[in-house]
C-alpha atoms as a PDB file:
ATOM      1  CA  MET A   1     -49.976   5.342 -54.192  1.00  0.00           C
ATOM      2  CA  LYS A   2     -47.825   4.294 -57.474  1.00  0.00           C
ATOM      3  CA  LEU A   3     -47.399   6.918 -59.752  1.00  0.00           C
ATOM      4  CA  PRO A   4     -46.829   6.351 -63.542  1.00  0.00           C
ATOM      5  CA  LYS A   5     -43.187   6.135 -64.402  1.00  0.00           C
ATOM      6  CA  ALA A   6     -43.440   9.093 -66.880  1.00  0.00           C
ATOM      7  CA  VAL A   7     -45.004  11.050 -64.024  1.00  0.00           C
ATOM      8  CA  PHE A   8     -42.328   9.942 -61.423  1.00  0.00           C
ATOM      9  CA  ARG A   9     -39.481  10.817 -63.738  1.00  0.00           C
ATOM     10  CA  TYR A  10     -41.021  14.324 -64.564  1.00  0.00           C
ATOM     11  CA  VAL A  11     -41.417  15.131 -60.995  1.00  0.00           C
ATOM     12  CA  GLU A  12     -37.933  14.257 -60.082  1.00  0.00           C
ATOM     13  CA  HIS A  13     -36.641  16.167 -63.166  1.00  0.00           C
ATOM     14  CA  GLU A  14     -38.498  19.323 -61.622  1.00  0.00           C
ATOM     15  CA  LEU A  15     -36.771  18.577 -58.181  1.00  0.00           C
ATOM     16  CA  TYR A  16     -33.534  18.350 -59.566  1.00  0.00           C
ATOM     17  CA  ASN A  17     -33.987  21.411 -61.558  1.00  0.00           C
ATOM     18  CA  TYR A  18     -35.531  23.427 -58.719  1.00  0.00           C
ATOM     19  CA  ASP A  19     -32.250  25.651 -58.020  1.00  0.00           C
ATOM     20  CA  HIS A  20     -31.855  26.084 -61.585  1.00  0.00           C
ATOM     21  CA  ASN A  21     -35.280  27.092 -62.164  1.00  0.00           C
ATOM     22  CA  LEU A  22     -35.082  29.645 -59.270  1.00  0.00           C
ATOM     23  CA  GLU A  23     -31.849  31.096 -61.136  1.00  0.00           C
ATOM     24  CA  LEU A  24     -33.890  31.386 -64.410  1.00  0.00           C
ATOM     25  CA  ILE A  25     -36.623  33.234 -62.627  1.00  0.00           C
ATOM     26  CA  LYS A  26     -34.089  35.549 -61.227  1.00  0.00           C
ATOM     27  CA  GLN A  27     -32.181  36.165 -64.565  1.00  0.00           C
ATOM     28  CA  PHE A  28     -35.333  36.817 -66.301  1.00  0.00           C
ATOM     29  CA  GLN A  29     -36.538  39.300 -63.814  1.00  0.00           C
ATOM     30  CA  ASP A  30     -33.229  40.910 -63.688  1.00  0.00           C
ATOM     31  CA  ASP A  31     -33.002  41.340 -67.487  1.00  0.00           C
ATOM     32  CA  VAL A  32     -36.402  42.749 -67.348  1.00  0.00           C
ATOM     33  CA  ILE A  33     -35.555  45.222 -64.791  1.00  0.00           C
ATOM     34  CA  TYR A  34     -32.174  46.281 -65.804  1.00  0.00           C
ATOM     35  CA  ALA A  35     -33.034  46.534 -69.540  1.00  0.00           C
ATOM     36  CA  GLN A  36     -32.496  49.714 -71.312  1.00  0.00           C
ATOM     37  CA  PRO A  37     -35.547  52.005 -71.490  1.00  0.00           C
ATOM     38  CA  THR A  38     -36.841  51.777 -74.965  1.00  0.00           C
ATOM     39  CA  LYS A  39     -38.583  54.770 -76.548  1.00  0.00           C
ATOM     40  CA  GLU A  40     -42.198  54.437 -78.222  1.00  0.00           C
ATOM     41  CA  VAL A  41     -42.908  56.306 -81.443  1.00  0.00           C
ATOM     42  CA  VAL A  42     -46.452  57.538 -81.488  1.00  0.00           C
ATOM     43  CA  PRO A  43     -47.474  59.125 -85.011  1.00  0.00           C
ATOM     44  CA  ASN A  44     -47.935  62.717 -84.847  1.00  0.00           C
ATOM     45  CA  VAL A  45     -47.131  63.154 -81.294  1.00  0.00           C
ATOM     46  CA  GLY A  46     -43.491  62.233 -80.748  1.00  0.00           C
ATOM     47  CA  TYR A  47     -41.853  59.786 -78.333  1.00  0.00           C
ATOM     48  CA  ILE A  48     -43.879  58.686 -75.234  1.00  0.00           C
ATOM     49  CA  SER A  49     -41.854  56.404 -72.576  1.00  0.00           C
ATOM     50  CA  ASP A  50     -42.827  55.076 -69.480  1.00  0.00           C
ATOM     51  CA  PRO A  51     -40.136  52.357 -69.039  1.00  0.00           C
ATOM     52  CA  THR A  52     -41.282  51.524 -65.478  1.00  0.00           C
ATOM     53  CA  SER A  53     -44.782  50.503 -66.353  1.00  0.00           C
ATOM     54  CA  LYS A  54     -43.656  48.674 -69.248  1.00  0.00           C
ATOM     55  CA  LYS A  55     -41.233  46.658 -67.240  1.00  0.00           C
ATOM     56  CA  VAL A  56     -43.836  45.923 -64.844  1.00  0.00           C
ATOM     57  CA  ILE A  57     -46.396  44.988 -67.666  1.00  0.00           C
ATOM     58  CA  LYS A  58     -43.779  42.381 -69.046  1.00  0.00           C
ATOM     59  CA  LEU A  59     -43.226  40.891 -65.584  1.00  0.00           C
ATOM     60  CA  VAL A  60     -46.868  40.350 -64.582  1.00  0.00           C
ATOM     61  CA  SER A  61     -47.828  39.214 -68.083  1.00  0.00           C
ATOM     62  CA  SER A  62     -45.023  36.832 -68.921  1.00  0.00           C
ATOM     63  CA  ASP A  63     -46.180  33.265 -69.348  1.00  0.00           C
ATOM     64  CA  PHE A  64     -42.735  31.995 -68.883  1.00  0.00           C
ATOM     65  CA  LEU A  65     -42.351  33.915 -65.528  1.00  0.00           C
ATOM     66  CA  LEU A  66     -45.798  32.847 -64.061  1.00  0.00           C
ATOM     67  CA  LYS A  67     -45.453  29.182 -65.067  1.00  0.00           C
ATOM     68  CA  MET A  68     -41.966  29.047 -63.480  1.00  0.00           C
ATOM     69  CA  LEU A  69     -43.298  30.770 -60.231  1.00  0.00           C
ATOM     70  CA  ASP A  70     -46.474  28.581 -60.068  1.00  0.00           C
ATOM     71  CA  ARG A  71     -44.170  25.376 -60.232  1.00  0.00           C
ATOM     72  CA  ILE A  72     -41.649  26.671 -57.513  1.00  0.00           C
ATOM     73  CA  ASN A  73     -44.740  27.707 -55.184  1.00  0.00           C
ATOM     74  CA  ARG A  74     -46.489  24.396 -55.821  1.00  0.00           C
ATOM     75  CA  ILE A  75     -43.191  22.568 -55.089  1.00  0.00           C
ATOM     76  CA  ASN A  76     -42.508  24.659 -52.013  1.00  0.00           C
ATOM     77  CA  ARG A  77     -46.249  23.981 -50.911  1.00  0.00           C
ATOM     78  CA  ALA A  78     -45.615  20.094 -51.049  1.00  0.00           C
ATOM     79  CA  LEU A  79     -42.677  20.365 -49.167  1.00  0.00           C
ATOM     80  CA  GLN A  80     -43.934  22.403 -46.320  1.00  0.00           C
ATOM     81  CA  ARG A  81     -46.546  19.441 -45.832  1.00  0.00           C
ATOM     82  CA  LEU A  82     -44.047  16.833 -45.537  1.00  0.00           C
ATOM     83  CA  SER A  83     -42.087  15.929 -42.646  1.00  0.00           C
ATOM     84  CA  GLU A  84     -38.455  16.985 -41.678  1.00  0.00           C
ATOM     85  CA  ASP A  85     -37.305  13.593 -43.371  1.00  0.00           C
ATOM     86  CA  HIS A  86     -38.728  14.506 -46.413  1.00  0.00           C
ATOM     87  CA  ARG A  87     -37.268  17.648 -46.795  1.00  0.00           C
ATOM     88  CA  THR A  88     -33.671  16.323 -45.864  1.00  0.00           C
ATOM     89  CA  ILE A  89     -34.078  13.709 -48.670  1.00  0.00           C
ATOM     90  CA  PHE A  90     -35.093  16.930 -50.887  1.00  0.00           C
ATOM     91  CA  GLU A  91     -31.844  18.500 -49.773  1.00  0.00           C
ATOM     92  CA  LEU A  92     -29.284  16.001 -49.913  1.00  0.00           C
ATOM     93  CA  LYS A  93     -30.712  13.967 -53.188  1.00  0.00           C
ATOM     94  CA  TYR A  94     -32.070  16.922 -55.338  1.00  0.00           C
ATOM     95  CA  HIS A  95     -29.994  20.112 -53.917  1.00  0.00           C
ATOM     96  CA  GLN A  96     -26.680  18.417 -53.256  1.00  0.00           C
ATOM     97  CA  GLY A  97     -26.988  15.473 -55.662  1.00  0.00           C
ATOM     98  CA  LEU A  98     -25.789  12.426 -53.484  1.00  0.00           C
ATOM     99  CA  LYS A  99     -26.493   9.150 -54.423  1.00  0.00           C
ATOM    100  CA  TRP A 100     -29.195   7.070 -52.304  1.00  0.00           C
ATOM    101  CA  GLN A 101     -26.338   5.142 -50.351  1.00  0.00           C
ATOM    102  CA  GLN A 102     -24.943   8.300 -49.364  1.00  0.00           C
ATOM    103  CA  VAL A 103     -28.265   9.772 -48.250  1.00  0.00           C
ATOM    104  CA  CYS A 104     -29.137   6.654 -46.060  1.00  0.00           C
ATOM    105  CA  GLU A 105     -25.696   7.038 -44.516  1.00  0.00           C
ATOM    106  CA  GLU A 106     -26.031  10.821 -44.199  1.00  0.00           C
ATOM    107  CA  MET A 107     -29.554  10.798 -42.542  1.00  0.00           C
ATOM    108  CA  PRO A 108     -29.040   7.480 -41.214  1.00  0.00           C
ATOM    109  CA  VAL A 109     -31.960   5.755 -42.580  1.00  0.00           C
ATOM    110  CA  ALA A 110     -32.542   2.399 -43.758  1.00  0.00           C
ATOM    111  CA  GLU A 111     -32.604   1.674 -47.499  1.00  0.00           C
ATOM    112  CA  ARG A 112     -36.200   0.715 -47.297  1.00  0.00           C
ATOM    113  CA  THR A 113     -37.039   4.095 -45.350  1.00  0.00           C
ATOM    114  CA  TYR A 114     -35.182   6.061 -48.001  1.00  0.00           C
ATOM    115  CA  PHE A 115     -37.318   4.550 -50.783  1.00  0.00           C
ATOM    116  CA  ARG A 116     -40.406   5.106 -49.286  1.00  0.00           C
ATOM    117  CA  LEU A 117     -39.904   8.744 -48.161  1.00  0.00           C
ATOM    118  CA  ARG A 118     -38.780   9.553 -51.591  1.00  0.00           C
ATOM    119  CA  ARG A 119     -41.705   7.899 -53.201  1.00  0.00           C
ATOM    120  CA  GLU A 120     -43.958   9.865 -50.713  1.00  0.00           C
ATOM    121  CA  LEU A 121     -41.952  13.197 -51.601  1.00  0.00           C
ATOM    122  CA  VAL A 122     -42.554  12.615 -55.514  1.00  0.00           C
ATOM    123  CA  TYR A 123     -46.147  11.772 -54.864  1.00  0.00           C
ATOM    124  CA  MET A 124     -46.995  14.937 -52.817  1.00  0.00           C
ATOM    125  CA  VAL A 125     -45.141  17.011 -55.450  1.00  0.00           C
ATOM    126  CA  ALA A 126     -47.146  15.385 -58.108  1.00  0.00           C
ATOM    127  CA  LEU A 127     -50.424  15.899 -56.239  1.00  0.00           C
ATOM    128  CA  GLU A 128     -49.467  19.900 -55.907  1.00  0.00           C
ATOM    129  CA  LEU A 129     -48.560  19.992 -59.522  1.00  0.00           C
ATOM    130  CA  GLY A 130     -51.969  18.536 -60.402  1.00  0.00           C
ATOM    131  CA  LEU A 131     -50.264  15.543 -62.275  1.00  0.00           C
ATOM    132  CA  VAL A 132     -52.243  12.845 -60.371  1.00  0.00           C
ATOM    133  CA  ASN A 133     -55.468  12.633 -58.400  1.00  0.00           C
ATOM    134  CA  ARG A 134     -55.490  11.670 -54.810  1.00  0.00           C
ATOM    135  CA  ASP A 135     -56.111   8.053 -55.845  1.00  0.00           C
ATOM    136  CA  GLY A 136     -52.817   7.996 -57.851  1.00  0.00           C
ATOM    137  CA  ARG A 137     -54.344   8.208 -61.560  1.00  0.00           C
END
């Protein structure tokens, strides 16, 4: 169940940036939805504009948005599969940014238990993101 160091770091980066990524998604959606409608010039016809459909097409076809939403959904699925202790570590360490000693005091759990729970959390997210197989490779 040992992950390669680079994978472990990448997953932790995603967990630390979870809230920021949610904000980026919301900002992108708001930018598209509240953008000024544009007029499209069609030769020999004049102006044709359907701002609502253009916005919908931009939202559903954006690679950026689709990848971000997929990543967030996969992290959420991994969290749903894990125990309440794992979700507490996610909240305290990755949302609130507490150091591991503070998390141990807050939960309260032993140091060894904290590191095991964190490793399991990161492993499950790595599985959901498709970064490793069940055998850890």
